[in-house]
Amino acid sequence: VEHILPESLGNKAHVLPPGIVCDGCNNYLARKVEKPFLEHDS
């Protein structure tokens, strides 16, 4: 499932169901977009 807001920011309710985003894009977004954002010092 694709979390509209990252689960690591506390979102568990706002998700897109399986099949809306492919596993490859979901993994890419987690590694290349969300992870660098969440690792920023601020």
ModelCIF file with pLDDT and N, C-alpha, C, O atoms, coordinates in Angstrom:
data_MODEL
#
_entry.id   MODEL 
#
_entity.id                         1 
_entity.type                       polymer 
_entity.pdbx_number_of_molecules   1 
#
_entity_poly.entity_id                      1 
_entity_poly.type                           'polypeptide(L)' 
_entity_poly.nstd_linkage                   no 
_entity_poly.nstd_monomer                   no 
_entity_poly.pdbx_seq_one_letter_code       VEHILPESLGNKAHVLPPGIVCDGCNNYLARKVEKPFLEHDS 
_entity_poly.pdbx_seq_one_letter_code_can   VEHILPESLGNKAHVLPPGIVCDGCNNYLARKVEKPFLEHDS 
_entity_poly.pdbx_strand_id                 A 
#
loop_
_entity_poly_seq.entity_id 
_entity_poly_seq.num 
_entity_poly_seq.mon_id 
_entity_poly_seq.hetero 
1 1  VAL n 
1 2  GLU n 
1 3  HIS n 
1 4  ILE n 
1 5  LEU n 
1 6  PRO n 
1 7  GLU n 
1 8  SER n 
1 9  LEU n 
1 10 GLY n 
1 11 ASN n 
1 12 LYS n 
1 13 ALA n 
1 14 HIS n 
1 15 VAL n 
1 16 LEU n 
1 17 PRO n 
1 18 PRO n 
1 19 GLY n 
1 20 ILE n 
1 21 VAL n 
1 22 CYS n 
1 23 ASP n 
1 24 GLY n 
1 25 CYS n 
1 26 ASN n 
1 27 ASN n 
1 28 TYR n 
1 29 LEU n 
1 30 ALA n 
1 31 ARG n 
1 32 LYS n 
1 33 VAL n 
1 34 GLU n 
1 35 LYS n 
1 36 PRO n 
1 37 PHE n 
1 38 LEU n 
1 39 GLU n 
1 40 HIS n 
1 41 ASP n 
1 42 SER n 
#
_struct_asym.id          A 
_struct_asym.entity_id   1 
#
loop_
_ma_qa_metric.id 
_ma_qa_metric.mode 
_ma_qa_metric.name 
_ma_qa_metric.software_group_id 
_ma_qa_metric.type 
1 global pLDDT . pLDDT 
2 local  pLDDT . pLDDT 
#
_ma_qa_metric_global.metric_id      1 
_ma_qa_metric_global.metric_value   89.36 
_ma_qa_metric_global.model_id       1 
_ma_qa_metric_global.ordinal_id     1 
#
loop_
_ma_qa_metric_local.label_asym_id 
_ma_qa_metric_local.label_comp_id 
_ma_qa_metric_local.label_seq_id 
_ma_qa_metric_local.metric_id 
_ma_qa_metric_local.metric_value 
_ma_qa_metric_local.model_id 
_ma_qa_metric_local.ordinal_id 
A VAL 1  2 88.00 1 1  
A GLU 2  2 89.00 1 2  
A HIS 3  2 88.00 1 3  
A ILE 4  2 88.00 1 4  
A LEU 5  2 84.00 1 5  
A PRO 6  2 83.00 1 6  
A GLU 7  2 83.00 1 7  
A SER 8  2 77.00 1 8  
A LEU 9  2 79.00 1 9  
A GLY 10 2 81.00 1 10 
A ASN 11 2 84.00 1 11 
A LYS 12 2 85.00 1 12 
A ALA 13 2 89.00 1 13 
A HIS 14 2 92.00 1 14 
A VAL 15 2 92.00 1 15 
A LEU 16 2 91.00 1 16 
A PRO 17 2 92.00 1 17 
A PRO 18 2 94.00 1 18 
A GLY 19 2 93.00 1 19 
A ILE 20 2 94.00 1 20 
A VAL 21 2 95.00 1 21 
A CYS 22 2 95.00 1 22 
A ASP 23 2 95.00 1 23 
A GLY 24 2 95.00 1 24 
A CYS 25 2 94.00 1 25 
A ASN 26 2 92.00 1 26 
A ASN 27 2 92.00 1 27 
A TYR 28 2 93.00 1 28 
A LEU 29 2 90.00 1 29 
A ALA 30 2 89.00 1 30 
A ARG 31 2 92.00 1 31 
A LYS 32 2 93.00 1 32 
A VAL 33 2 89.00 1 33 
A GLU 34 2 87.00 1 34 
A LYS 35 2 90.00 1 35 
A PRO 36 2 92.00 1 36 
A PHE 37 2 88.00 1 37 
A LEU 38 2 86.00 1 38 
A GLU 39 2 89.00 1 39 
A HIS 40 2 90.00 1 40 
A ASP 41 2 92.00 1 41 
A SER 42 2 89.00 1 42 
#
loop_
_atom_site.group_PDB 
_atom_site.id 
_atom_site.type_symbol 
_atom_site.label_atom_id 
_atom_site.label_alt_id 
_atom_site.label_comp_id 
_atom_site.label_asym_id 
_atom_site.label_entity_id 
_atom_site.label_seq_id 
_atom_site.pdbx_PDB_ins_code 
_atom_site.Cartn_x 
_atom_site.Cartn_y 
_atom_site.Cartn_z 
_atom_site.occupancy 
_atom_site.B_iso_or_equiv 
_atom_site.pdbx_formal_charge 
_atom_site.auth_seq_id 
_atom_site.auth_comp_id 
_atom_site.auth_asym_id 
_atom_site.auth_atom_id 
_atom_site.pdbx_PDB_model_num 
ATOM 1   N N  . VAL A 1 1  ? 0.867  -1.177 0.000  1.00 88.00 ? 1  VAL A N  1 
ATOM 2   C CA . VAL A 1 1  ? 0.000  0.000  0.000  1.00 88.00 ? 1  VAL A CA 1 
ATOM 3   C C  . VAL A 1 1  ? 0.905  1.228  0.000  1.00 88.00 ? 1  VAL A C  1 
ATOM 4   O O  . VAL A 1 1  ? 2.019  1.183  0.520  1.00 88.00 ? 1  VAL A O  1 
ATOM 5   N N  . GLU A 1 2  ? 0.434  2.302  -0.572 1.00 89.00 ? 2  GLU A N  1 
ATOM 6   C CA . GLU A 1 2  ? 1.186  3.555  -0.592 1.00 89.00 ? 2  GLU A CA 1 
ATOM 7   C C  . GLU A 1 2  ? 0.625  4.461  0.491  1.00 89.00 ? 2  GLU A C  1 
ATOM 8   O O  . GLU A 1 2  ? -0.558 4.804  0.474  1.00 89.00 ? 2  GLU A O  1 
ATOM 9   N N  . HIS A 1 3  ? 1.474  4.845  1.428  1.00 88.00 ? 3  HIS A N  1 
ATOM 10  C CA . HIS A 1 3  ? 1.057  5.779  2.475  1.00 88.00 ? 3  HIS A CA 1 
ATOM 11  C C  . HIS A 1 3  ? 1.100  7.187  1.904  1.00 88.00 ? 3  HIS A C  1 
ATOM 12  O O  . HIS A 1 3  ? 2.135  7.619  1.397  1.00 88.00 ? 3  HIS A O  1 
ATOM 13  N N  . ILE A 1 4  ? -0.003 7.898  1.979  1.00 88.00 ? 4  ILE A N  1 
ATOM 14  C CA . ILE A 1 4  ? -0.069 9.254  1.446  1.00 88.00 ? 4  ILE A CA 1 
ATOM 15  C C  . ILE A 1 4  ? 0.894  10.154 2.211  1.00 88.00 ? 4  ILE A C  1 
ATOM 16  O O  . ILE A 1 4  ? 1.604  10.962 1.612  1.00 88.00 ? 4  ILE A O  1 
ATOM 17  N N  . LEU A 1 5  ? 0.916  10.015 3.515  1.00 84.00 ? 5  LEU A N  1 
ATOM 18  C CA . LEU A 1 5  ? 1.959  10.589 4.368  1.00 84.00 ? 5  LEU A CA 1 
ATOM 19  C C  . LEU A 1 5  ? 2.749  9.405  4.899  1.00 84.00 ? 5  LEU A C  1 
ATOM 20  O O  . LEU A 1 5  ? 2.156  8.371  5.207  1.00 84.00 ? 5  LEU A O  1 
ATOM 21  N N  . PRO A 1 6  ? 4.072  9.521  5.016  1.00 83.00 ? 6  PRO A N  1 
ATOM 22  C CA . PRO A 1 6  ? 4.869  8.370  5.445  1.00 83.00 ? 6  PRO A CA 1 
ATOM 23  C C  . PRO A 1 6  ? 4.400  7.772  6.773  1.00 83.00 ? 6  PRO A C  1 
ATOM 24  O O  . PRO A 1 6  ? 4.019  8.484  7.702  1.00 83.00 ? 6  PRO A O  1 
ATOM 25  N N  . GLU A 1 7  ? 4.442  6.462  6.825  1.00 83.00 ? 7  GLU A N  1 
ATOM 26  C CA . GLU A 1 7  ? 4.089  5.762  8.061  1.00 83.00 ? 7  GLU A CA 1 
ATOM 27  C C  . GLU A 1 7  ? 5.051  6.147  9.182  1.00 83.00 ? 7  GLU A C  1 
ATOM 28  O O  . GLU A 1 7  ? 4.669  6.171  10.352 1.00 83.00 ? 7  GLU A O  1 
ATOM 29  N N  . SER A 1 8  ? 6.293  6.447  8.824  1.00 77.00 ? 8  SER A N  1 
ATOM 30  C CA . SER A 1 8  ? 7.288  6.831  9.828  1.00 77.00 ? 8  SER A CA 1 
ATOM 31  C C  . SER A 1 8  ? 6.979  8.179  10.471 1.00 77.00 ? 8  SER A C  1 
ATOM 32  O O  . SER A 1 8  ? 7.587  8.541  11.479 1.00 77.00 ? 8  SER A O  1 
ATOM 33  N N  . LEU A 1 9  ? 6.035  8.926  9.891  1.00 79.00 ? 9  LEU A N  1 
ATOM 34  C CA . LEU A 1 9  ? 5.576  10.171 10.518 1.00 79.00 ? 9  LEU A CA 1 
ATOM 35  C C  . LEU A 1 9  ? 4.284  9.951  11.293 1.00 79.00 ? 9  LEU A C  1 
ATOM 36  O O  . LEU A 1 9  ? 3.645  10.910 11.727 1.00 79.00 ? 9  LEU A O  1 
ATOM 37  N N  . GLY A 1 10 ? 3.903  8.704  11.466 1.00 81.00 ? 10 GLY A N  1 
ATOM 38  C CA . GLY A 1 10 ? 2.743  8.377  12.281 1.00 81.00 ? 10 GLY A CA 1 
ATOM 39  C C  . GLY A 1 10 ? 1.477  8.067  11.512 1.00 81.00 ? 10 GLY A C  1 
ATOM 40  O O  . GLY A 1 10 ? 0.446  7.776  12.119 1.00 81.00 ? 10 GLY A O  1 
ATOM 41  N N  . ASN A 1 11 ? 1.528  8.122  10.193 1.00 84.00 ? 11 ASN A N  1 
ATOM 42  C CA . ASN A 1 11 ? 0.331  7.873  9.400  1.00 84.00 ? 11 ASN A CA 1 
ATOM 43  C C  . ASN A 1 11 ? 0.076  6.380  9.253  1.00 84.00 ? 11 ASN A C  1 
ATOM 44  O O  . ASN A 1 11 ? 0.908  5.648  8.716  1.00 84.00 ? 11 ASN A O  1 
ATOM 45  N N  . LYS A 1 12 ? -1.054 5.945  9.724  1.00 85.00 ? 12 LYS A N  1 
ATOM 46  C CA . LYS A 1 12 ? -1.453 4.548  9.531  1.00 85.00 ? 12 LYS A CA 1 
ATOM 47  C C  . LYS A 1 12 ? -2.789 4.454  8.815  1.00 85.00 ? 12 LYS A C  1 
ATOM 48  O O  . LYS A 1 12 ? -3.172 3.384  8.343  1.00 85.00 ? 12 LYS A O  1 
ATOM 49  N N  . ALA A 1 13 ? -3.504 5.577  8.733  1.00 89.00 ? 13 ALA A N  1 
ATOM 50  C CA . ALA A 1 13 ? -4.862 5.542  8.203  1.00 89.00 ? 13 ALA A CA 1 
ATOM 51  C C  . ALA A 1 13 ? -4.981 5.992  6.752  1.00 89.00 ? 13 ALA A C  1 
ATOM 52  O O  . ALA A 1 13 ? -5.853 5.511  6.029  1.00 89.00 ? 13 ALA A O  1 
ATOM 53  N N  . HIS A 1 14 ? -4.137 6.888  6.326  1.00 92.00 ? 14 HIS A N  1 
ATOM 54  C CA . HIS A 1 14 ? -4.269 7.475  4.993  1.00 92.00 ? 14 HIS A CA 1 
ATOM 55  C C  . HIS A 1 14 ? -3.370 6.746  3.997  1.00 92.00 ? 14 HIS A C  1 
ATOM 56  O O  . HIS A 1 14 ? -2.205 7.097  3.811  1.00 92.00 ? 14 HIS A O  1 
ATOM 57  N N  . VAL A 1 15 ? -3.941 5.722  3.362  1.00 92.00 ? 15 VAL A N  1 
ATOM 58  C CA . VAL A 1 15 ? -3.175 4.900  2.428  1.00 92.00 ? 15 VAL A CA 1 
ATOM 59  C C  . VAL A 1 15 ? -3.974 4.683  1.147  1.00 92.00 ? 15 VAL A C  1 
ATOM 60  O O  . VAL A 1 15 ? -5.203 4.747  1.133  1.00 92.00 ? 15 VAL A O  1 
ATOM 61  N N  . LEU A 1 16 ? -3.233 4.426  0.076  1.00 91.00 ? 16 LEU A N  1 
ATOM 62  C CA . LEU A 1 16 ? -3.841 4.007  -1.177 1.00 91.00 ? 16 LEU A CA 1 
ATOM 63  C C  . LEU A 1 16 ? -3.791 2.485  -1.210 1.00 91.00 ? 16 LEU A C  1 
ATOM 64  O O  . LEU A 1 16 ? -2.775 1.912  -0.816 1.00 91.00 ? 16 LEU A O  1 
ATOM 65  N N  . PRO A 1 17 ? -4.822 1.819  -1.654 1.00 92.00 ? 17 PRO A N  1 
ATOM 66  C CA . PRO A 1 17 ? -4.852 0.353  -1.630 1.00 92.00 ? 17 PRO A CA 1 
ATOM 67  C C  . PRO A 1 17 ? -3.831 -0.261 -2.592 1.00 92.00 ? 17 PRO A C  1 
ATOM 68  O O  . PRO A 1 17 ? -3.345 0.415  -3.499 1.00 92.00 ? 17 PRO A O  1 
ATOM 69  N N  . PRO A 1 18 ? -3.507 -1.541 -2.392 1.00 94.00 ? 18 PRO A N  1 
ATOM 70  C CA . PRO A 1 18 ? -2.596 -2.223 -3.311 1.00 94.00 ? 18 PRO A CA 1 
ATOM 71  C C  . PRO A 1 18 ? -3.098 -2.116 -4.748 1.00 94.00 ? 18 PRO A C  1 
ATOM 72  O O  . PRO A 1 18 ? -4.298 -2.199 -5.008 1.00 94.00 ? 18 PRO A O  1 
ATOM 73  N N  . GLY A 1 19 ? -2.167 -1.930 -5.668 1.00 93.00 ? 19 GLY A N  1 
ATOM 74  C CA . GLY A 1 19 ? -2.510 -1.844 -7.076 1.00 93.00 ? 19 GLY A CA 1 
ATOM 75  C C  . GLY A 1 19 ? -2.561 -0.424 -7.608 1.00 93.00 ? 19 GLY A C  1 
ATOM 76  O O  . GLY A 1 19 ? -2.540 -0.226 -8.822 1.00 93.00 ? 19 GLY A O  1 
ATOM 77  N N  . ILE A 1 20 ? -2.628 0.564  -6.736 1.00 94.00 ? 20 ILE A N  1 
ATOM 78  C CA . ILE A 1 20 ? -2.625 1.962  -7.184 1.00 94.00 ? 20 ILE A CA 1 
ATOM 79  C C  . ILE A 1 20 ? -1.196 2.390  -7.526 1.00 94.00 ? 20 ILE A C  1 
ATOM 80  O O  . ILE A 1 20 ? -0.965 3.099  -8.505 1.00 94.00 ? 20 ILE A O  1 
ATOM 81  N N  . VAL A 1 21 ? -0.246 1.947  -6.703 1.00 95.00 ? 21 VAL A N  1 
ATOM 82  C CA . VAL A 1 21 ? 1.181  2.212  -6.926 1.00 95.00 ? 21 VAL A CA 1 
ATOM 83  C C  . VAL A 1 21 ? 1.878  0.859  -6.989 1.00 95.00 ? 21 VAL A C  1 
ATOM 84  O O  . VAL A 1 21 ? 1.651  0.007  -6.130 1.00 95.00 ? 21 VAL A O  1 
ATOM 85  N N  . CYS A 1 22 ? 2.722  0.653  -7.994 1.00 95.00 ? 22 CYS A N  1 
ATOM 86  C CA . CYS A 1 22 ? 3.423  -0.635 -8.107 1.00 95.00 ? 22 CYS A CA 1 
ATOM 87  C C  . CYS A 1 22 ? 4.474  -0.755 -7.005 1.00 95.00 ? 22 CYS A C  1 
ATOM 88  O O  . CYS A 1 22 ? 4.912  0.244  -6.435 1.00 95.00 ? 22 CYS A O  1 
ATOM 89  N N  . ASP A 1 23 ? 4.866  -1.979 -6.720 1.00 95.00 ? 23 ASP A N  1 
ATOM 90  C CA . ASP A 1 23 ? 5.847  -2.223 -5.666 1.00 95.00 ? 23 ASP A CA 1 
ATOM 91  C C  . ASP A 1 23 ? 7.171  -1.516 -5.961 1.00 95.00 ? 23 ASP A C  1 
ATOM 92  O O  . ASP A 1 23 ? 7.818  -1.008 -5.045 1.00 95.00 ? 23 ASP A O  1 
ATOM 93  N N  . GLY A 1 24 ? 7.575  -1.479 -7.233 1.00 95.00 ? 24 GLY A N  1 
ATOM 94  C CA . GLY A 1 24 ? 8.830  -0.827 -7.603 1.00 95.00 ? 24 GLY A CA 1 
ATOM 95  C C  . GLY A 1 24 ? 8.819  0.662  -7.295 1.00 95.00 ? 24 GLY A C  1 
ATOM 96  O O  . GLY A 1 24 ? 9.772  1.181  -6.713 1.00 95.00 ? 24 GLY A O  1 
ATOM 97  N N  . CYS A 1 25 ? 7.756  1.353  -7.677 1.00 94.00 ? 25 CYS A N  1 
ATOM 98  C CA . CYS A 1 25 ? 7.656  2.787  -7.391 1.00 94.00 ? 25 CYS A CA 1 
ATOM 99  C C  . CYS A 1 25 ? 7.522  3.037  -5.896 1.00 94.00 ? 25 CYS A C  1 
ATOM 100 O O  . CYS A 1 25 ? 8.099  3.990  -5.374 1.00 94.00 ? 25 CYS A O  1 
ATOM 101 N N  . ASN A 1 26 ? 6.774  2.199  -5.209 1.00 92.00 ? 26 ASN A N  1 
ATOM 102 C CA . ASN A 1 26 ? 6.609  2.348  -3.768 1.00 92.00 ? 26 ASN A CA 1 
ATOM 103 C C  . ASN A 1 26 ? 7.966  2.224  -3.071 1.00 92.00 ? 26 ASN A C  1 
ATOM 104 O O  . ASN A 1 26 ? 8.285  3.022  -2.190 1.00 92.00 ? 26 ASN A O  1 
ATOM 105 N N  . ASN A 1 27 ? 8.759  1.233  -3.461 1.00 92.00 ? 27 ASN A N  1 
ATOM 106 C CA . ASN A 1 27 ? 10.091 1.054  -2.873 1.00 92.00 ? 27 ASN A CA 1 
ATOM 107 C C  . ASN A 1 27 ? 11.010 2.213  -3.228 1.00 92.00 ? 27 ASN A C  1 
ATOM 108 O O  . ASN A 1 27 ? 11.771 2.685  -2.384 1.00 92.00 ? 27 ASN A O  1 
ATOM 109 N N  . TYR A 1 28 ? 10.943 2.675  -4.480 1.00 93.00 ? 28 TYR A N  1 
ATOM 110 C CA . TYR A 1 28 ? 11.773 3.800  -4.908 1.00 93.00 ? 28 TYR A CA 1 
ATOM 111 C C  . TYR A 1 28 ? 11.455 5.043  -4.084 1.00 93.00 ? 28 TYR A C  1 
ATOM 112 O O  . TYR A 1 28 ? 12.363 5.717  -3.597 1.00 93.00 ? 28 TYR A O  1 
ATOM 113 N N  . LEU A 1 29 ? 10.180 5.344  -3.929 1.00 90.00 ? 29 LEU A N  1 
ATOM 114 C CA . LEU A 1 29 ? 9.793  6.529  -3.164 1.00 90.00 ? 29 LEU A CA 1 
ATOM 115 C C  . LEU A 1 29 ? 10.269 6.434  -1.718 1.00 90.00 ? 29 LEU A C  1 
ATOM 116 O O  . LEU A 1 29 ? 10.707 7.426  -1.136 1.00 90.00 ? 29 LEU A O  1 
ATOM 117 N N  . ALA A 1 30 ? 10.183 5.248  -1.148 1.00 89.00 ? 30 ALA A N  1 
ATOM 118 C CA . ALA A 1 30 ? 10.631 5.074  0.238  1.00 89.00 ? 30 ALA A CA 1 
ATOM 119 C C  . ALA A 1 30 ? 12.140 5.294  0.372  1.00 89.00 ? 30 ALA A C  1 
ATOM 120 O O  . ALA A 1 30 ? 12.596 5.945  1.312  1.00 89.00 ? 30 ALA A O  1 
ATOM 121 N N  . ARG A 1 31 ? 12.905 4.751  -0.567 1.00 92.00 ? 31 ARG A N  1 
ATOM 122 C CA . ARG A 1 31 ? 14.372 4.846  -0.481 1.00 92.00 ? 31 ARG A CA 1 
ATOM 123 C C  . ARG A 1 31 ? 14.919 6.193  -0.926 1.00 92.00 ? 31 ARG A C  1 
ATOM 124 O O  . ARG A 1 31 ? 15.828 6.730  -0.293 1.00 92.00 ? 31 ARG A O  1 
ATOM 125 N N  . LYS A 1 32 ? 14.375 6.747  -2.010 1.00 93.00 ? 32 LYS A N  1 
ATOM 126 C CA . LYS A 1 32 ? 14.984 7.929  -2.624 1.00 93.00 ? 32 LYS A CA 1 
ATOM 127 C C  . LYS A 1 32 ? 14.312 9.251  -2.263 1.00 93.00 ? 32 LYS A C  1 
ATOM 128 O O  . LYS A 1 32 ? 14.898 10.314 -2.466 1.00 93.00 ? 32 LYS A O  1 
ATOM 129 N N  . VAL A 1 33 ? 13.104 9.200  -1.736 1.00 89.00 ? 33 VAL A N  1 
ATOM 130 C CA . VAL A 1 33 ? 12.404 10.441 -1.399 1.00 89.00 ? 33 VAL A CA 1 
ATOM 131 C C  . VAL A 1 33 ? 12.183 10.542 0.110  1.00 89.00 ? 33 VAL A C  1 
ATOM 132 O O  . VAL A 1 33 ? 12.639 11.491 0.747  1.00 89.00 ? 33 VAL A O  1 
ATOM 133 N N  . GLU A 1 34 ? 11.482 9.558  0.675  1.00 87.00 ? 34 GLU A N  1 
ATOM 134 C CA . GLU A 1 34 ? 11.144 9.635  2.094  1.00 87.00 ? 34 GLU A CA 1 
ATOM 135 C C  . GLU A 1 34 ? 12.368 9.503  2.998  1.00 87.00 ? 34 GLU A C  1 
ATOM 136 O O  . GLU A 1 34 ? 12.506 10.266 3.954  1.00 87.00 ? 34 GLU A O  1 
ATOM 137 N N  . LYS A 1 35 ? 13.249 8.561  2.718  1.00 90.00 ? 35 LYS A N  1 
ATOM 138 C CA . LYS A 1 35 ? 14.394 8.330  3.593  1.00 90.00 ? 35 LYS A CA 1 
ATOM 139 C C  . LYS A 1 35 ? 15.294 9.566  3.706  1.00 90.00 ? 35 LYS A C  1 
ATOM 140 O O  . LYS A 1 35 ? 15.618 9.964  4.825  1.00 90.00 ? 35 LYS A O  1 
ATOM 141 N N  . PRO A 1 36 ? 15.714 10.194 2.589  1.00 92.00 ? 36 PRO A N  1 
ATOM 142 C CA . PRO A 1 36 ? 16.540 11.404 2.742  1.00 92.00 ? 36 PRO A CA 1 
ATOM 143 C C  . PRO A 1 36 ? 15.822 12.527 3.496  1.00 92.00 ? 36 PRO A C  1 
ATOM 144 O O  . PRO A 1 36 ? 16.442 13.252 4.274  1.00 92.00 ? 36 PRO A O  1 
ATOM 145 N N  . PHE A 1 37 ? 14.524 12.667 3.263  1.00 88.00 ? 37 PHE A N  1 
ATOM 146 C CA . PHE A 1 37 ? 13.749 13.683 3.979  1.00 88.00 ? 37 PHE A CA 1 
ATOM 147 C C  . PHE A 1 37 ? 13.746 13.393 5.473  1.00 88.00 ? 37 PHE A C  1 
ATOM 148 O O  . PHE A 1 37 ? 14.004 14.283 6.283  1.00 88.00 ? 37 PHE A O  1 
ATOM 149 N N  . LEU A 1 38 ? 13.456 12.151 5.835  1.00 86.00 ? 38 LEU A N  1 
ATOM 150 C CA . LEU A 1 38 ? 13.369 11.788 7.253  1.00 86.00 ? 38 LEU A CA 1 
ATOM 151 C C  . LEU A 1 38 ? 14.718 11.819 7.951  1.00 86.00 ? 38 LEU A C  1 
ATOM 152 O O  . LEU A 1 38 ? 14.774 11.944 9.174  1.00 86.00 ? 38 LEU A O  1 
ATOM 153 N N  . GLU A 1 39 ? 15.811 11.706 7.194  1.00 89.00 ? 39 GLU A N  1 
ATOM 154 C CA . GLU A 1 39 ? 17.147 11.730 7.788  1.00 89.00 ? 39 GLU A CA 1 
ATOM 155 C C  . GLU A 1 39 ? 17.710 13.137 7.910  1.00 89.00 ? 39 GLU A C  1 
ATOM 156 O O  . GLU A 1 39 ? 18.788 13.313 8.478  1.00 89.00 ? 39 GLU A O  1 
ATOM 157 N N  . HIS A 1 40 ? 17.016 14.138 7.398  1.00 90.00 ? 40 HIS A N  1 
ATOM 158 C CA . HIS A 1 40 ? 17.469 15.518 7.525  1.00 90.00 ? 40 HIS A CA 1 
ATOM 159 C C  . HIS A 1 40 ? 17.441 15.910 9.004  1.00 90.00 ? 40 HIS A C  1 
ATOM 160 O O  . HIS A 1 40 ? 16.507 15.561 9.726  1.00 90.00 ? 40 HIS A O  1 
ATOM 161 N N  . ASP A 1 41 ? 18.468 16.636 9.448  1.00 92.00 ? 41 ASP A N  1 
ATOM 162 C CA . ASP A 1 41 ? 18.603 16.961 10.867 1.00 92.00 ? 41 ASP A CA 1 
ATOM 163 C C  . ASP A 1 41 ? 17.376 17.670 11.444 1.00 92.00 ? 41 ASP A C  1 
ATOM 164 O O  . ASP A 1 41 ? 16.957 17.365 12.561 1.00 92.00 ? 41 ASP A O  1 
ATOM 165 N N  . SER A 1 42 ? 16.804 18.603 10.704 1.00 89.00 ? 42 SER A N  1 
ATOM 166 C CA . SER A 1 42 ? 15.649 19.330 11.241 1.00 89.00 ? 42 SER A CA 1 
ATOM 167 C C  . SER A 1 42 ? 14.428 18.421 11.382 1.00 89.00 ? 42 SER A C  1 
ATOM 168 O O  . SER A 1 42 ? 13.369 18.873 11.820 1.00 89.00 ? 42 SER A O  1 
#
